[in-house]
Amino acid sequence: MRYCWLVIFVLLMGSVFAQNSSKVRELEKRRKAALAEIETTNQLLAETKKSAQNSLNRLNLLSKQILSRKQVISLLNQEIGEIDKQIVSSRRQISLLEKDLENKRKNYGKSAQSLYKRRSSQDKLLFILSADNFAQSLRRMRYLREYADWQKKQATEIIDKQREITDKQRELEKTRAEKNSLLGVREDENRKLQAEETSQKKEVQQLSKKQKQLQADLKKKKRQADALNRQIEKQIAEEIARAEAAAKAARGKTTASTSTKKGTGTKSSTRDSRDERIADTKGGYAMTKAEKKLSDDFASNKGRLPYPVSGRYMIVSSFGEHQHQELKYVRTNNSGIDIQTSPGTDARAVFKGEVTRVFVVPGYNNSVIVRHGNYLTVYSNLSQVYVKAGDRVDTRQAIGRIFTDTEDGNATILHFQLWKERTKLNPAPWLD
């Protein structure tokens, strides 16, 4: 019975060890993803020349890099914690196996001594022949045979148990080596973090010296962003009005057609459902059947839409209102997300749809609006545009070249927005 519980306990410990190993693999996967993000930021920092104009942009990249580095260190700490659990689990398993081995050795030793005392075949024969009857003789023969089999099994189990302990000890040593390696990696990551934080402090000091200029630039940027939003809102309002006018015209034609046919006694027919326009919400964009399907397809792909850029990229400004982490006098309100990438990169459509407008706003260069049913995506800060209003685009189709600001350290930043009807949405959760 005690042996059964021991086996069950060892199996349970093995299960815990397997779970810990799975956690370590998952943590390692997340750590590698964070390191890849750091590598991307490093490359973008290298491509973005250091100058007075782009210090805020560099500071944003450095801040992103530091956050990623802290995440790597946090994940390393978690990995080391899980490995410590593995080491404890392995030691317990080895201890239990050694106790079990010791018991088996003792039992085998006792049986060996007993066998030595009755080592002659004559003793065995006398043991069988001294039985009271034939049935008892058969039972004694079976007992001797089973006893011999048990001894062989015990010897095999002892060898197997010794091998298992050796394997567990080897596994433990490997786990210890892995922990030591991770401790070294963590120390290296801490050194890099300290260097990055030092660089960040220098950037903050430089920006603090020109606070007034920076605040003036931010106000100018805010005016430009407001102008961009007004253009988008105007375009949305015009499209909603046109769609509603088309819906009313279609309904009017149907009414007139029905009245005429009733006057002549002819059976009335329904209008073509493909031309019927219906809005999801009151005052919203009235969609045709095809547009409604496109809208539903777009919505069902939330979290799986491709990024509007290819190659290396980093979100340097997220959606909504934010207080800058390092510069308390800097507060931004972003209607979309700003994605920094390498010079020469194209913006690409995140989903199939129709280009409804191409326009220019100072500070954002060329902008393109693509309609996907009652959803719209906006691609701003393009130096070249490859499409025109009325064009249909496919997912990942290039729609324009992203502007590279040579006066701002070669910063190449796409401003991307997502709207549903008249409401701005955070694009980040929609992208994969």
Protein backbone atom coordinates (compact mmCIF):
# COMPACT_ATOMS: atom_id res chain seq x y z
CA MET A 1 0.00 0.00 0.00
CA ARG A 2 2.82 2.37 0.94
CA TYR A 3 4.52 1.55 -2.38
CA CYS A 4 1.29 2.48 -4.26
CA TRP A 5 1.13 5.87 -2.60
CA LEU A 6 4.80 6.42 -3.38
CA VAL A 7 4.22 5.68 -7.07
CA ILE A 8 1.20 8.00 -7.17
CA PHE A 9 3.20 10.78 -5.47
CA VAL A 10 6.09 10.41 -7.91
CA LEU A 11 3.64 10.53 -10.85
CA LEU A 12 2.02 13.67 -9.43
CA MET A 13 5.42 15.30 -9.01
CA GLY A 14 6.20 14.37 -12.59
CA SER A 15 2.97 16.05 -13.70
CA VAL A 16 3.87 19.23 -11.79
CA PHE A 17 7.35 19.14 -13.36
CA ALA A 18 5.80 18.86 -16.84
CA GLN A 19 3.48 21.81 -16.12
CA ASN A 20 6.44 23.90 -14.95
CA SER A 21 8.37 22.98 -18.10
CA SER A 22 5.42 24.10 -20.21
CA LYS A 23 5.31 27.42 -18.34
CA VAL A 24 9.03 27.92 -18.90
CA ARG A 25 8.61 27.31 -22.65
CA GLU A 26 5.75 29.82 -22.81
CA LEU A 27 7.74 32.41 -20.84
CA GLU A 28 10.73 31.84 -23.11
CA LYS A 29 8.51 32.38 -26.17
CA ARG A 30 7.22 35.67 -24.74
CA ARG A 31 10.78 36.75 -23.84
CA LYS A 32 11.97 36.11 -27.41
CA ALA A 33 9.06 38.19 -28.75
CA ALA A 34 10.02 41.06 -26.42
CA LEU A 35 13.67 40.77 -27.53
CA ALA A 36 12.56 40.91 -31.18
CA GLU A 37 10.66 44.10 -30.36
CA ILE A 38 13.81 45.57 -28.78
CA GLU A 39 15.80 44.65 -31.90
CA THR A 40 13.23 46.44 -34.07
CA THR A 41 13.46 49.54 -31.85
CA ASN A 42 17.27 49.45 -32.01
CA GLN A 43 17.16 49.36 -35.80
CA LEU A 44 14.65 52.21 -35.95
CA LEU A 45 16.79 54.25 -33.55
CA ALA A 46 19.81 53.61 -35.78
CA GLU A 47 17.86 54.72 -38.86
CA THR A 48 16.51 57.80 -37.06
CA LYS A 49 19.36 60.29 -36.89
CA LYS A 50 19.79 62.19 -33.63
CA SER A 51 18.92 65.87 -34.08
CA ALA A 52 17.23 68.71 -32.20
CA GLN A 53 14.03 68.32 -34.20
CA ASN A 54 13.45 64.65 -33.55
CA SER A 55 14.48 64.37 -29.89
CA LEU A 56 10.88 63.73 -28.78
CA ASN A 57 10.54 60.98 -31.35
CA ARG A 58 13.83 59.40 -30.19
CA LEU A 59 12.68 59.68 -26.59
CA ASN A 60 9.46 57.83 -27.45
CA LEU A 61 11.50 55.05 -29.09
CA LEU A 62 13.84 54.87 -26.09
CA SER A 63 10.86 54.72 -23.72
CA LYS A 64 9.38 51.85 -25.76
CA GLN A 65 12.74 50.10 -25.69
CA ILE A 66 13.05 50.47 -21.90
CA LEU A 67 9.53 49.09 -21.38
CA SER A 68 10.38 46.09 -23.56
CA ARG A 69 13.66 45.58 -21.71
CA LYS A 70 11.86 45.64 -18.35
CA GLN A 71 9.40 43.10 -19.71
CA VAL A 72 12.31 40.85 -20.74
CA ILE A 73 13.80 41.08 -17.23
CA SER A 74 10.40 40.39 -15.65
CA LEU A 75 9.96 37.32 -17.87
CA LEU A 76 13.47 36.15 -17.01
CA ASN A 77 12.63 36.43 -13.31
CA GLN A 78 9.50 34.35 -13.90
CA GLU A 79 11.49 31.75 -15.87
CA ILE A 80 14.07 31.50 -13.09
CA GLY A 81 11.23 31.14 -10.57
CA GLU A 82 9.71 28.27 -12.56
CA ILE A 83 13.12 26.61 -12.90
CA ASP A 84 13.59 26.89 -9.13
CA LYS A 85 10.30 25.02 -8.76
CA GLN A 86 11.60 22.38 -11.18
CA ILE A 87 14.78 22.00 -9.14
CA VAL A 88 12.77 21.56 -5.91
CA SER A 89 10.48 19.06 -7.65
CA SER A 90 13.46 17.13 -9.08
CA ARG A 91 15.14 16.96 -5.68
CA ARG A 92 11.95 15.61 -4.10
CA GLN A 93 11.58 13.01 -6.82
CA ILE A 94 15.21 11.93 -6.43
CA SER A 95 14.81 11.72 -2.65
CA LEU A 96 11.69 9.56 -3.01
CA LEU A 97 13.33 7.34 -5.61
CA GLU A 98 16.38 6.90 -3.40
CA LYS A 99 14.18 5.88 -0.44
CA ASP A 100 12.31 3.43 -2.64
CA LEU A 101 15.62 2.07 -3.91
CA GLU A 102 16.90 1.65 -0.36
CA ASN A 103 13.76 -0.31 0.62
CA LYS A 104 14.10 -2.54 -2.43
CA ARG A 105 17.74 -3.18 -1.62
CA LYS A 106 16.89 -4.09 1.99
CA ASN A 107 14.13 -6.46 0.87
CA TYR A 108 16.34 -7.99 -1.75
CA GLY A 109 19.16 -8.36 0.81
CA LYS A 110 16.87 -10.18 3.21
CA SER A 111 15.67 -12.51 0.49
CA ALA A 112 19.25 -13.12 -0.63
CA GLN A 113 20.26 -14.04 2.93
CA SER A 114 17.28 -16.37 3.23
CA LEU A 115 18.16 -17.93 -0.09
CA TYR A 116 21.77 -18.37 0.98
CA LYS A 117 20.66 -20.28 4.08
CA ARG A 118 18.62 -22.57 1.83
CA ARG A 119 21.00 -22.48 -1.08
CA SER A 120 21.09 -26.19 -1.92
CA SER A 121 18.59 -27.76 -4.27
CA GLN A 122 18.33 -30.53 -1.66
CA ASP A 123 16.86 -28.06 0.83
CA LYS A 124 14.30 -27.01 -1.75
CA LEU A 125 13.47 -30.64 -2.48
CA LEU A 126 13.09 -31.42 1.21
CA PHE A 127 10.85 -28.35 1.56
CA ILE A 128 8.56 -29.74 -1.16
CA LEU A 129 8.63 -33.37 0.00
CA SER A 130 7.96 -32.50 3.66
CA ALA A 131 4.49 -31.32 2.71
CA ASP A 132 1.53 -33.03 4.39
CA ASN A 133 -0.12 -33.85 1.08
CA PHE A 134 0.25 -33.57 -2.67
CA ALA A 135 -1.77 -30.34 -2.94
CA GLN A 136 0.50 -28.68 -0.38
CA SER A 137 3.54 -29.88 -2.34
CA LEU A 138 2.16 -28.20 -5.49
CA ARG A 139 1.54 -24.99 -3.56
CA ARG A 140 5.13 -25.07 -2.20
CA MET A 141 6.50 -25.61 -5.72
CA ARG A 142 4.44 -22.69 -7.00
CA TYR A 143 5.63 -20.58 -4.05
CA LEU A 144 9.30 -21.32 -4.79
CA ARG A 145 8.78 -20.51 -8.45
CA GLU A 146 6.97 -17.22 -7.66
CA TYR A 147 9.60 -16.39 -5.04
CA ALA A 148 12.36 -16.85 -7.62
CA ASP A 149 10.44 -14.70 -10.15
CA TRP A 150 9.94 -12.05 -7.48
CA GLN A 151 13.66 -12.00 -6.76
CA LYS A 152 14.47 -11.55 -10.45
CA LYS A 153 11.85 -8.78 -10.68
CA GLN A 154 13.33 -7.07 -7.60
CA ALA A 155 16.81 -7.19 -9.11
CA THR A 156 15.49 -5.71 -12.38
CA GLU A 157 13.57 -3.00 -10.53
CA ILE A 158 16.68 -2.08 -8.53
CA ILE A 159 18.66 -1.65 -11.75
CA ASP A 160 15.81 0.36 -13.34
CA LYS A 161 15.48 2.53 -10.22
CA GLN A 162 19.23 3.23 -10.21
CA ARG A 163 19.01 4.22 -13.88
CA GLU A 164 15.99 6.46 -13.17
CA ILE A 165 17.84 8.20 -10.34
CA THR A 166 20.86 8.75 -12.61
CA ASP A 167 18.58 10.24 -15.32
CA LYS A 168 16.86 12.50 -12.79
CA GLN A 169 20.22 13.70 -11.45
CA ARG A 170 21.39 14.40 -14.99
CA GLU A 171 18.13 16.29 -15.63
CA LEU A 172 18.65 18.26 -12.42
CA GLU A 173 22.17 19.24 -13.45
CA LYS A 174 20.86 20.37 -16.84
CA THR A 175 18.16 22.47 -15.13
CA ARG A 176 20.76 24.03 -12.82
CA ALA A 177 22.93 24.90 -15.84
CA GLU A 178 19.90 26.46 -17.55
CA LYS A 179 19.22 28.54 -14.44
CA ASN A 180 22.83 29.74 -14.29
CA SER A 181 22.64 30.68 -17.97
CA LEU A 182 19.43 32.66 -17.38
CA LEU A 183 21.01 34.42 -14.40
CA GLY A 184 23.82 35.52 -16.73
CA VAL A 185 21.32 36.72 -19.34
CA ARG A 186 19.39 38.64 -16.67
CA GLU A 187 22.58 40.35 -15.50
CA ASP A 188 23.36 41.33 -19.11
CA GLU A 189 19.81 42.66 -19.63
CA ASN A 190 20.09 44.72 -16.43
CA ARG A 191 23.31 46.31 -17.71
CA LYS A 192 21.62 47.17 -21.02
CA LEU A 193 18.64 48.62 -19.15
CA GLN A 194 20.90 50.87 -17.07
CA ALA A 195 22.62 52.14 -20.24
CA GLU A 196 19.26 52.82 -21.92
CA GLU A 197 17.91 54.63 -18.86
CA THR A 198 21.06 56.80 -18.87
CA SER A 199 20.44 57.67 -22.54
CA GLN A 200 16.82 58.42 -21.75
CA LYS A 201 17.81 60.83 -18.95
CA LYS A 202 20.11 62.69 -21.37
CA GLU A 203 17.28 62.99 -23.91
CA VAL A 204 14.93 64.28 -21.20
CA GLN A 205 17.50 66.86 -20.08
CA GLN A 206 17.97 68.10 -23.65
CA LEU A 207 14.23 68.37 -24.21
CA SER A 208 13.70 70.15 -20.89
CA LYS A 209 16.10 72.89 -22.03
CA LYS A 210 13.82 73.65 -24.98
CA GLN A 211 10.47 73.13 -23.29
CA LYS A 212 8.87 76.25 -24.80
CA GLN A 213 9.84 75.29 -28.34
CA LEU A 214 8.60 71.74 -27.81
CA GLN A 215 5.25 72.92 -26.42
CA ALA A 216 4.87 75.28 -29.40
CA ASP A 217 5.57 72.39 -31.78
CA LEU A 218 3.02 70.20 -29.96
CA LYS A 219 0.36 72.91 -30.23
CA LYS A 220 1.05 73.20 -33.94
CA LYS A 221 0.79 69.42 -34.28
CA LYS A 222 -2.52 69.48 -32.40
CA ARG A 223 -3.94 72.09 -34.81
CA GLN A 224 -2.84 69.92 -37.74
CA ALA A 225 -4.42 66.81 -36.15
CA ASP A 226 -7.68 68.71 -35.57
CA ALA A 227 -7.66 69.81 -39.23
CA LEU A 228 -7.16 66.18 -40.31
CA ASN A 229 -10.05 65.00 -38.12
CA ARG A 230 -12.34 67.73 -39.49
CA GLN A 231 -11.58 66.59 -43.03
CA ILE A 232 -12.32 62.96 -42.10
CA GLU A 233 -15.56 63.91 -40.29
CA LYS A 234 -16.63 66.06 -43.24
CA GLN A 235 -16.00 63.18 -45.66
CA ILE A 236 -17.95 60.75 -43.45
CA ALA A 237 -20.89 63.18 -43.18
CA GLU A 238 -20.94 63.67 -46.95
CA GLU A 239 -20.88 59.92 -47.61
CA ILE A 240 -23.67 59.30 -45.09
CA ALA A 241 -25.76 62.04 -46.71
CA ARG A 242 -25.19 60.64 -50.22
CA ALA A 243 -26.04 57.11 -49.09
CA GLU A 244 -29.23 58.30 -47.38
CA ALA A 245 -30.21 60.31 -50.48
CA ALA A 246 -29.69 57.22 -52.63
CA ALA A 247 -31.79 55.15 -50.21
CA LYS A 248 -34.62 57.72 -50.32
CA ALA A 249 -34.48 57.91 -54.11
CA ALA A 250 -34.70 54.11 -54.34
CA ARG A 251 -37.65 54.05 -51.94
CA GLY A 252 -39.37 56.79 -53.97
CA LYS A 253 -38.95 54.89 -57.23
CA THR A 254 -40.39 51.78 -55.62
CA THR A 255 -43.44 53.68 -54.32
CA ALA A 256 -44.07 55.27 -57.73
CA SER A 257 -43.66 51.92 -59.47
CA THR A 258 -46.06 50.25 -57.05
CA SER A 259 -48.71 52.98 -57.51
CA THR A 260 -48.52 52.76 -61.31
CA LYS A 261 -48.89 49.00 -61.32
CA LYS A 262 -51.82 49.14 -58.89
CA GLY A 263 -53.61 51.63 -61.19
CA THR A 264 -53.29 49.31 -64.14
CA GLY A 265 -54.28 46.28 -62.11
CA THR A 266 -50.88 44.71 -62.59
CA LYS A 267 -49.37 42.78 -59.66
CA SER A 268 -46.70 44.91 -57.93
CA SER A 269 -43.12 43.65 -57.70
CA THR A 270 -40.51 44.29 -55.04
CA ARG A 271 -37.39 46.36 -55.82
CA ASP A 272 -34.03 44.71 -56.37
CA SER A 273 -32.74 43.92 -52.87
CA ARG A 274 -29.16 44.48 -54.05
CA ASP A 275 -29.94 48.21 -54.51
CA GLU A 276 -31.68 48.51 -51.15
CA ARG A 277 -29.71 50.66 -48.66
CA ILE A 278 -30.17 50.19 -44.91
CA ALA A 279 -28.20 51.79 -42.07
CA ASP A 280 -27.25 49.76 -38.99
CA THR A 281 -27.91 52.76 -36.75
CA LYS A 282 -30.10 55.83 -37.01
CA GLY A 283 -28.21 58.52 -38.91
CA GLY A 284 -25.56 56.00 -39.94
CA TYR A 285 -24.24 55.05 -43.34
CA ALA A 286 -26.97 53.32 -45.39
CA MET A 287 -25.35 50.22 -46.87
CA THR A 288 -26.22 48.07 -49.83
CA LYS A 289 -26.40 44.32 -49.32
CA ALA A 290 -22.82 43.94 -50.63
CA GLU A 291 -21.55 46.71 -48.35
CA LYS A 292 -23.30 45.12 -45.36
CA LYS A 293 -21.53 41.82 -46.05
CA LEU A 294 -18.20 43.64 -46.40
CA SER A 295 -18.81 45.41 -43.08
CA ASP A 296 -19.63 42.13 -41.32
CA ASP A 297 -16.51 40.50 -42.81
CA PHE A 298 -14.38 43.39 -41.58
CA ALA A 299 -15.86 43.16 -38.05
CA SER A 300 -15.35 39.37 -37.91
CA ASN A 301 -11.63 39.89 -38.60
CA LYS A 302 -11.03 41.99 -35.49
CA GLY A 303 -7.64 41.06 -34.04
CA ARG A 304 -6.54 39.47 -37.34
CA LEU A 305 -6.12 42.48 -39.61
CA PRO A 306 -2.56 42.89 -40.94
CA TYR A 307 -0.57 45.97 -39.91
CA PRO A 308 -0.80 48.80 -42.45
CA VAL A 309 2.99 48.55 -42.96
CA SER A 310 5.36 45.69 -43.75
CA GLY A 311 8.84 44.99 -42.43
CA ARG A 312 10.09 46.56 -39.20
CA TYR A 313 7.67 48.81 -37.31
CA MET A 314 6.90 50.15 -33.85
CA ILE A 315 3.85 51.93 -32.45
CA VAL A 316 5.38 55.17 -31.12
CA SER A 317 2.13 56.86 -30.15
CA SER A 318 -0.98 54.96 -29.06
CA PHE A 319 -4.69 55.79 -29.27
CA GLY A 320 -6.34 58.25 -26.89
CA GLU A 321 -5.17 60.88 -24.44
CA HIS A 322 -1.84 60.29 -22.72
CA GLN A 323 0.47 62.02 -20.28
CA HIS A 324 4.08 61.51 -21.35
CA GLN A 325 5.93 59.24 -18.92
CA GLU A 326 9.08 61.35 -18.76
CA LEU A 327 7.91 64.85 -19.76
CA LYS A 328 5.10 65.92 -17.44
CA TYR A 329 4.37 69.02 -19.53
CA VAL A 330 3.71 66.88 -22.64
CA ARG A 331 0.15 65.60 -23.05
CA THR A 332 -1.12 64.15 -26.31
CA ASN A 333 -4.49 63.06 -27.67
CA ASN A 334 -4.21 60.71 -30.62
CA SER A 335 -7.21 59.84 -32.81
CA GLY A 336 -5.39 56.77 -34.10
CA ILE A 337 -1.94 55.26 -33.75
CA ASP A 338 1.44 56.40 -35.09
CA ILE A 339 3.57 53.61 -36.55
CA GLN A 340 7.26 54.24 -37.15
CA THR A 341 8.96 52.19 -39.82
CA SER A 342 11.98 52.31 -42.15
CA PRO A 343 12.41 54.87 -44.94
CA GLY A 344 10.99 53.70 -48.26
CA THR A 345 8.16 51.66 -46.71
CA ASP A 346 4.69 51.59 -48.31
CA ALA A 347 1.39 51.89 -46.47
CA ARG A 348 -0.92 48.98 -47.26
CA ALA A 349 -4.66 48.39 -46.92
CA VAL A 350 -5.62 46.33 -43.88
CA PHE A 351 -8.74 44.95 -45.62
CA LYS A 352 -10.48 45.01 -48.98
CA GLY A 353 -12.63 48.06 -49.64
CA GLU A 354 -13.16 51.16 -51.75
CA VAL A 355 -11.06 54.33 -51.76
CA THR A 356 -13.50 57.17 -51.10
CA ARG A 357 -11.16 60.13 -50.85
CA VAL A 358 -7.56 61.25 -51.28
CA PHE A 359 -6.72 64.65 -49.76
CA VAL A 360 -3.88 66.79 -48.36
CA VAL A 361 -3.58 68.28 -44.86
CA PRO A 362 -0.51 70.28 -43.77
CA GLY A 363 1.59 68.26 -41.35
CA TYR A 364 0.11 64.96 -42.58
CA ASN A 365 0.91 65.27 -46.30
CA ASN A 366 -1.37 62.97 -48.36
CA SER A 367 -4.16 60.99 -46.71
CA VAL A 368 -6.28 58.15 -48.09
CA ILE A 369 -9.68 56.99 -46.77
CA VAL A 370 -10.80 53.43 -47.54
CA ARG A 371 -14.39 52.38 -46.81
CA HIS A 372 -15.20 48.82 -45.68
CA GLY A 373 -19.01 48.93 -45.37
CA ASN A 374 -19.69 51.19 -42.40
CA TYR A 375 -16.05 50.96 -41.25
CA LEU A 376 -13.35 53.31 -42.53
CA THR A 377 -9.55 53.18 -42.36
CA VAL A 378 -7.41 56.29 -42.78
CA TYR A 379 -3.76 56.30 -43.91
CA SER A 380 -2.01 59.64 -43.38
CA ASN A 381 1.47 61.12 -43.92
CA LEU A 382 2.05 59.68 -47.39
CA SER A 383 4.56 61.27 -49.77
CA GLN A 384 3.12 59.40 -52.78
CA VAL A 385 -0.32 57.91 -53.39
CA TYR A 386 -0.86 54.91 -55.71
CA VAL A 387 -4.69 54.96 -55.71
CA LYS A 388 -7.53 57.37 -56.42
CA ALA A 389 -11.13 57.84 -55.26
CA GLY A 390 -13.36 55.06 -56.60
CA ASP A 391 -10.57 52.44 -56.73
CA ARG A 392 -11.20 49.09 -55.10
CA VAL A 393 -8.30 47.75 -53.07
CA ASP A 394 -7.44 44.32 -51.70
CA THR A 395 -6.02 43.34 -48.32
CA ARG A 396 -2.28 44.21 -48.10
CA GLN A 397 -2.40 46.21 -51.34
CA ALA A 398 0.10 49.10 -51.35
CA ILE A 399 -1.76 52.42 -51.38
CA GLY A 400 1.10 54.90 -50.99
CA ARG A 401 4.68 55.58 -49.89
CA ILE A 402 5.08 56.78 -46.28
CA PHE A 403 6.72 60.19 -45.97
CA THR A 404 10.29 60.29 -44.63
CA ASP A 405 11.09 63.54 -42.83
CA THR A 406 14.74 64.27 -43.65
CA GLU A 407 14.65 67.36 -41.42
CA ASP A 408 13.47 65.21 -38.51
CA GLY A 409 16.18 62.56 -38.50
CA ASN A 410 14.64 60.46 -41.31
CA ALA A 411 11.58 59.67 -39.17
CA THR A 412 9.14 57.60 -41.26
CA ILE A 413 5.80 57.55 -39.44
CA LEU A 414 2.37 56.45 -40.67
CA HIS A 415 -0.65 57.92 -38.90
CA PHE A 416 -3.40 55.28 -39.02
CA GLN A 417 -7.02 55.70 -37.93
CA LEU A 418 -10.08 53.43 -37.73
CA TRP A 419 -13.68 54.68 -37.67
CA LYS A 420 -17.10 53.06 -37.44
CA GLU A 421 -19.70 55.47 -38.75
CA ARG A 422 -18.83 58.73 -36.90
CA THR A 423 -17.00 57.04 -34.01
CA LYS A 424 -13.20 56.77 -33.71
CA LEU A 425 -11.95 53.34 -32.61
CA ASN A 426 -8.63 52.22 -31.17
CA PRO A 427 -6.97 50.42 -34.12
CA ALA A 428 -4.46 48.43 -32.01
CA PRO A 429 -6.87 45.63 -30.86
CA TRP A 430 -7.97 45.12 -34.47
CA LEU A 431 -4.44 44.45 -35.80
CA ASP A 432 -2.54 41.18 -35.65
